[in-house]
C-alpha atoms as a PDB file:
ATOM      1  CA  UNK A   1      92.665-110.970 145.568  1.00  0.00           C
ATOM      2  CA  UNK A   2      93.538-114.341 148.410  1.00  0.00           C
ATOM      3  CA  UNK A   3      89.510-114.423 148.979  1.00  0.00           C
ATOM      4  CA  UNK A   4      88.350-115.107 145.261  1.00  0.00           C
ATOM      5  CA  UNK A   5      86.480-118.265 144.507  1.00  0.00           C
ATOM      6  CA  UNK A   6      85.405-119.551 141.093  1.00  0.00           C
ATOM      7  CA  UNK A   7      82.094-118.356 140.446  1.00  0.00           C
ATOM      8  CA  UNK A   8      79.493-118.370 137.693  1.00  0.00           C
ATOM      9  CA  UNK A   9      77.673-116.442 135.376  1.00  0.00           C
ATOM     10  CA  UNK A  10      74.529-116.966 133.187  1.00  0.00           C
ATOM     11  CA  UNK A  11      73.167-115.567 130.672  1.00  0.00           C
ATOM     12  CA  UNK A  12      69.643-116.028 128.568  1.00  0.00           C
ATOM     13  CA  UNK A  13      67.454-114.237 125.674  1.00  0.00           C
ATOM     14  CA  UNK A  14      64.891-116.573 123.679  1.00  0.00           C
ATOM     15  CA  UNK A  15      66.712-119.985 122.903  1.00  0.00           C
ATOM     16  CA  UNK A  16      70.307-118.562 123.793  1.00  0.00           C
ATOM     17  CA  UNK A  17      71.881-118.928 127.150  1.00  0.00           C
ATOM     18  CA  UNK A  18      75.773-118.640 127.753  1.00  0.00           C
ATOM     19  CA  UNK A  19      77.320-119.270 130.816  1.00  0.00           C
ATOM     20  CA  UNK A  20      80.708-117.679 131.845  1.00  0.00           C
ATOM     21  CA  UNK A  21      82.836-119.388 134.439  1.00  0.00           C
ATOM     22  CA  UNK A  22      85.786-117.436 136.174  1.00  0.00           C
ATOM     23  CA  UNK A  23      88.449-119.096 137.760  1.00  0.00           C
ATOM     24  CA  UNK A  24      91.394-117.994 139.667  1.00  0.00           C
ATOM     25  CA  UNK A  25      94.596-119.473 139.132  1.00  0.00           C
ATOM     26  CA  UNK A  26      96.941-117.216 141.430  1.00  0.00           C
ATOM     27  CA  UNK A  27      96.914-113.820 139.983  1.00  0.00           C
ATOM     28  CA  UNK A  28      95.806-114.703 137.080  1.00  0.00           C
ATOM     29  CA  UNK A  29      92.560-116.281 135.758  1.00  0.00           C
ATOM     30  CA  UNK A  30      90.981-118.833 133.553  1.00  0.00           C
ATOM     31  CA  UNK A  31      87.418-118.006 132.229  1.00  0.00           C
ATOM     32  CA  UNK A  32      85.099-120.505 130.494  1.00  0.00           C
ATOM     33  CA  UNK A  33      82.513-119.287 128.200  1.00  0.00           C
ATOM     34  CA  UNK A  34      80.063-121.472 126.690  1.00  0.00           C
ATOM     35  CA  UNK A  35      76.370-121.695 125.551  1.00  0.00           C
ATOM     36  CA  UNK A  36      74.078-124.167 123.656  1.00  0.00           C
ATOM     37  CA  UNK A  37      76.276-127.262 122.631  1.00  0.00           C
ATOM     38  CA  UNK A  38      79.432-126.788 124.679  1.00  0.00           C
ATOM     39  CA  UNK A  39      82.926-127.602 123.357  1.00  0.00           C
ATOM     40  CA  UNK A  40      86.331-125.888 123.242  1.00  0.00           C
ATOM     41  CA  UNK A  41      85.963-123.936 119.998  1.00  0.00           C
ATOM     42  CA  UNK A  42      88.870-121.244 120.511  1.00  0.00           C
ATOM     43  CA  UNK A  43      91.258-119.936 123.414  1.00  0.00           C
ATOM     44  CA  UNK A  44      92.418-117.172 123.563  1.00  0.00           C
ATOM     45  CA  UNK A  45      95.615-116.326 126.145  1.00  0.00           C
ATOM     46  CA  UNK A  46      96.334-112.375 127.074  1.00  0.00           C
ATOM     47  CA  UNK A  47      99.061-111.253 128.977  1.00  0.00           C
ATOM     48  CA  UNK A  48     100.462-107.626 130.283  1.00  0.00           C
ATOM     49  CA  UNK A  49     102.780-106.589 126.596  1.00  0.00           C
ATOM     50  CA  UNK A  50     105.008-105.596 129.185  1.00  0.00           C
ATOM     51  CA  UNK A  51     105.039-109.097 130.784  1.00  0.00           C
ATOM     52  CA  UNK A  52     108.423-110.388 129.411  1.00  0.00           C
ATOM     53  CA  UNK A  53     109.826-113.124 131.266  1.00  0.00           C
ATOM     54  CA  UNK A  54     113.569-112.186 132.000  1.00  0.00           C
ATOM     55  CA  UNK A  55     114.961-115.355 130.244  1.00  0.00           C
ATOM     56  CA  UNK A  56     113.957-114.250 126.927  1.00  0.00           C
ATOM     57  CA  UNK A  57     116.106-112.617 124.978  1.00  0.00           C
ATOM     58  CA  UNK A  58     115.130-108.742 124.172  1.00  0.00           C
ATOM     59  CA  UNK A  59     115.555-109.627 120.315  1.00  0.00           C
ATOM     60  CA  UNK A  60     113.578-112.456 120.393  1.00  0.00           C
ATOM     61  CA  UNK A  61     111.140-110.284 121.970  1.00  0.00           C
ATOM     62  CA  UNK A  62     110.625-108.059 119.393  1.00  0.00           C
ATOM     63  CA  UNK A  63     110.821-110.082 116.254  1.00  0.00           C
ATOM     64  CA  UNK A  64     107.831-112.079 118.051  1.00  0.00           C
ATOM     65  CA  UNK A  65     105.662-109.303 119.073  1.00  0.00           C
ATOM     66  CA  UNK A  66     103.963-108.360 115.857  1.00  0.00           C
ATOM     67  CA  UNK A  67     104.407-112.050 114.898  1.00  0.00           C
ATOM     68  CA  UNK A  68     100.964-113.015 113.178  1.00  0.00           C
ATOM     69  CA  UNK A  69     101.074-116.649 112.909  1.00  0.00           C
ATOM     70  CA  UNK A  70     102.784-119.630 114.287  1.00  0.00           C
ATOM     71  CA  UNK A  71     104.972-121.176 112.646  1.00  0.00           C
ATOM     72  CA  UNK A  72     103.279-124.505 110.820  1.00  0.00           C
ATOM     73  CA  UNK A  73     100.167-123.064 111.468  1.00  0.00           C
ATOM     74  CA  UNK A  74      97.766-121.872 109.563  1.00  0.00           C
ATOM     75  CA  UNK A  75      96.368-117.984 109.330  1.00  0.00           C
ATOM     76  CA  UNK A  76      93.083-119.435 110.737  1.00  0.00           C
ATOM     77  CA  UNK A  77      94.092-121.412 113.041  1.00  0.00           C
ATOM     78  CA  UNK A  78      96.659-119.584 115.316  1.00  0.00           C
ATOM     79  CA  UNK A  79      98.057-116.273 115.977  1.00  0.00           C
ATOM     80  CA  UNK A  80     100.139-113.735 117.997  1.00  0.00           C
ATOM     81  CA  UNK A  81     100.073-109.754 118.258  1.00  0.00           C
ATOM     82  CA  UNK A  82      99.788-107.351 120.232  1.00  0.00           C
ATOM     83  CA  UNK A  83      96.618-104.825 120.556  1.00  0.00           C
ATOM     84  CA  UNK A  84      96.426-101.742 123.330  1.00  0.00           C
ATOM     85  CA  UNK A  85      99.081-103.437 125.884  1.00  0.00           C
ATOM     86  CA  UNK A  86      98.005-106.626 125.418  1.00  0.00           C
ATOM     87  CA  UNK A  87     100.364-109.624 124.411  1.00  0.00           C
ATOM     88  CA  UNK A  88      96.939-112.012 122.362  1.00  0.00           C
ATOM     89  CA  UNK A  89      97.475-115.613 121.707  1.00  0.00           C
ATOM     90  CA  UNK A  90      94.252-117.100 120.065  1.00  0.00           C
ATOM     91  CA  UNK A  91      94.201-120.774 118.674  1.00  0.00           C
ATOM     92  CA  UNK A  92      90.967-121.553 116.990  1.00  0.00           C
ATOM     93  CA  UNK A  93      90.171-124.806 116.176  1.00  0.00           C
ATOM     94  CA  UNK A  94      89.233-125.241 112.022  1.00  0.00           C
ATOM     95  CA  UNK A  95      85.569-123.592 110.960  1.00  0.00           C
ATOM     96  CA  UNK A  96      85.292-122.336 114.257  1.00  0.00           C
ATOM     97  CA  UNK A  97      84.716-118.543 114.762  1.00  0.00           C
ATOM     98  CA  UNK A  98      84.208-118.904 118.607  1.00  0.00           C
ATOM     99  CA  UNK A  99      87.205-116.602 119.185  1.00  0.00           C
ATOM    100  CA  UNK A 100      84.809-113.507 118.230  1.00  0.00           C
ATOM    101  CA  UNK A 101      83.645-114.117 121.842  1.00  0.00           C
ATOM    102  CA  UNK A 102      86.145-114.580 123.708  1.00  0.00           C
ATOM    103  CA  UNK A 103      89.057-112.381 122.744  1.00  0.00           C
ATOM    104  CA  UNK A 104      87.070-108.977 123.663  1.00  0.00           C
ATOM    105  CA  UNK A 105      86.981-110.872 127.379  1.00  0.00           C
ATOM    106  CA  UNK A 106      90.427-111.958 127.302  1.00  0.00           C
ATOM    107  CA  UNK A 107      91.550-108.045 125.975  1.00  0.00           C
ATOM    108  CA  UNK A 108      89.547-106.327 128.704  1.00  0.00           C
ATOM    109  CA  UNK A 109      90.042-108.770 131.383  1.00  0.00           C
ATOM    110  CA  UNK A 110      93.835-108.832 131.290  1.00  0.00           C
ATOM    111  CA  UNK A 111      93.943-104.854 130.605  1.00  0.00           C
ATOM    112  CA  UNK A 112      91.732-104.460 133.781  1.00  0.00           C
ATOM    113  CA  UNK A 113      93.174-106.795 136.116  1.00  0.00           C
ATOM    114  CA  UNK A 114      96.705-106.701 134.874  1.00  0.00           C
ATOM    115  CA  UNK A 115      97.008-110.512 134.914  1.00  0.00           C
ATOM    116  CA  UNK A 116      97.449-113.051 132.385  1.00  0.00           C
ATOM    117  CA  UNK A 117      93.860-114.183 131.503  1.00  0.00           C
ATOM    118  CA  UNK A 118      93.083-117.035 129.437  1.00  0.00           C
ATOM    119  CA  UNK A 119      89.746-117.242 127.786  1.00  0.00           C
ATOM    120  CA  UNK A 120      88.327-120.698 126.228  1.00  0.00           C
ATOM    121  CA  UNK A 121      84.780-120.723 124.716  1.00  0.00           C
ATOM    122  CA  UNK A 122      82.871-122.811 122.713  1.00  0.00           C
ATOM    123  CA  UNK A 123      79.277-121.882 121.841  1.00  0.00           C
ATOM    124  CA  UNK A 124      77.035-123.786 119.567  1.00  0.00           C
ATOM    125  CA  UNK A 125      73.337-123.492 118.306  1.00  0.00           C
ATOM    126  CA  UNK A 126      72.088-125.548 115.344  1.00  0.00           C
ATOM    127  CA  UNK A 127      70.650-123.343 112.503  1.00  0.00           C
ATOM    128  CA  UNK A 128      71.961-119.709 114.286  1.00  0.00           C
ATOM    129  CA  UNK A 129      70.497-116.889 112.346  1.00  0.00           C
ATOM    130  CA  UNK A 130      72.508-113.729 111.642  1.00  0.00           C
ATOM    131  CA  UNK A 131      70.825-111.906 114.162  1.00  0.00           C
ATOM    132  CA  UNK A 132      71.082-114.605 117.186  1.00  0.00           C
ATOM    133  CA  UNK A 133      75.036-114.665 116.237  1.00  0.00           C
ATOM    134  CA  UNK A 134      75.159-110.830 117.277  1.00  0.00           C
ATOM    135  CA  UNK A 135      73.022-111.458 120.093  1.00  0.00           C
ATOM    136  CA  UNK A 136      75.656-113.954 121.303  1.00  0.00           C
ATOM    137  CA  UNK A 137      78.220-111.470 120.868  1.00  0.00           C
ATOM    138  CA  UNK A 138      76.193-109.045 122.975  1.00  0.00           C
ATOM    139  CA  UNK A 139      75.141-111.553 125.828  1.00  0.00           C
ATOM    140  CA  UNK A 140      79.235-112.386 126.111  1.00  0.00           C
ATOM    141  CA  UNK A 141      80.239-108.979 126.543  1.00  0.00           C
ATOM    142  CA  UNK A 142      77.676-108.068 129.164  1.00  0.00           C
ATOM    143  CA  UNK A 143      78.545-111.543 130.726  1.00  0.00           C
ATOM    144  CA  UNK A 144      82.412-110.180 130.644  1.00  0.00           C
ATOM    145  CA  UNK A 145      81.401-106.705 131.852  1.00  0.00           C
ATOM    146  CA  UNK A 146      79.348-108.139 134.631  1.00  0.00           C
ATOM    147  CA  UNK A 147      82.142-110.087 135.733  1.00  0.00           C
ATOM    148  CA  UNK A 148      85.259-108.142 135.531  1.00  0.00           C
ATOM    149  CA  UNK A 149      82.934-105.515 137.721  1.00  0.00           C
ATOM    150  CA  UNK A 150      82.533-108.627 140.487  1.00  0.00           C
ATOM    151  CA  UNK A 151      85.894-109.231 140.647  1.00  0.00           C
ATOM    152  CA  UNK A 152      86.936-104.970 140.792  1.00  0.00           C
ATOM    153  CA  UNK A 153      84.174-105.250 143.639  1.00  0.00           C
ATOM    154  CA  UNK A 154      86.137-108.337 145.460  1.00  0.00           C
ATOM    155  CA  UNK A 155      89.672-106.131 144.953  1.00  0.00           C
ATOM    156  CA  UNK A 156      88.200-103.331 146.235  1.00  0.00           C
ATOM    157  CA  UNK A 157      86.954-105.259 149.031  1.00  0.00           C
ATOM    158  CA  UNK A 158      90.366-107.234 149.855  1.00  0.00           C
ATOM    159  CA  UNK A 159      91.737-103.590 149.813  1.00  0.00           C
ATOM    160  CA  UNK A 160      89.618-102.522 152.513  1.00  0.00           C
ATOM    161  CA  UNK A 161      90.004-105.293 154.721  1.00  0.00           C
ATOM    162  CA  UNK A 162      93.603-104.791 154.321  1.00  0.00           C
ATOM    163  CA  UNK A 163      93.744-101.404 155.029  1.00  0.00           C
ATOM    164  CA  UNK A 164      91.480-102.381 158.371  1.00  0.00           C
ATOM    165  CA  UNK A 165      93.953-105.251 159.448  1.00  0.00           C
END
């Protein structure tokens, strides 16, 4: 995808507004999901599970593939694991739950694009209700689906352009 440029998607529902920025990084992608008082509450790194660097011994990769937390980190702030062919590394600020919106995006984009994807997320609304939290998660999924659809169309256009050349 040589022609890929950063782009921004926005979605609102009542007082809730989310933004998803997609930034190409070579063959990989950086996504920034924010809403309300933007911040960084969680970072998810997703990579294809079969993408093991050549300098990592196989025994080490087997030992760490199912690891649930980093040494010295509490389980609610850092974890790693493999899910549906995607190796996920999750960093979450204490007391934050932004990973609930970011993790599905990281997993889905990694799987669909067969690329490493990093999603940084920070969404904060004062006095948010359970219903509004559910709405935020639905908006995040919708933005993610729209962004992925746009990237696939760009891939198709790039493929068609290369066939014409």
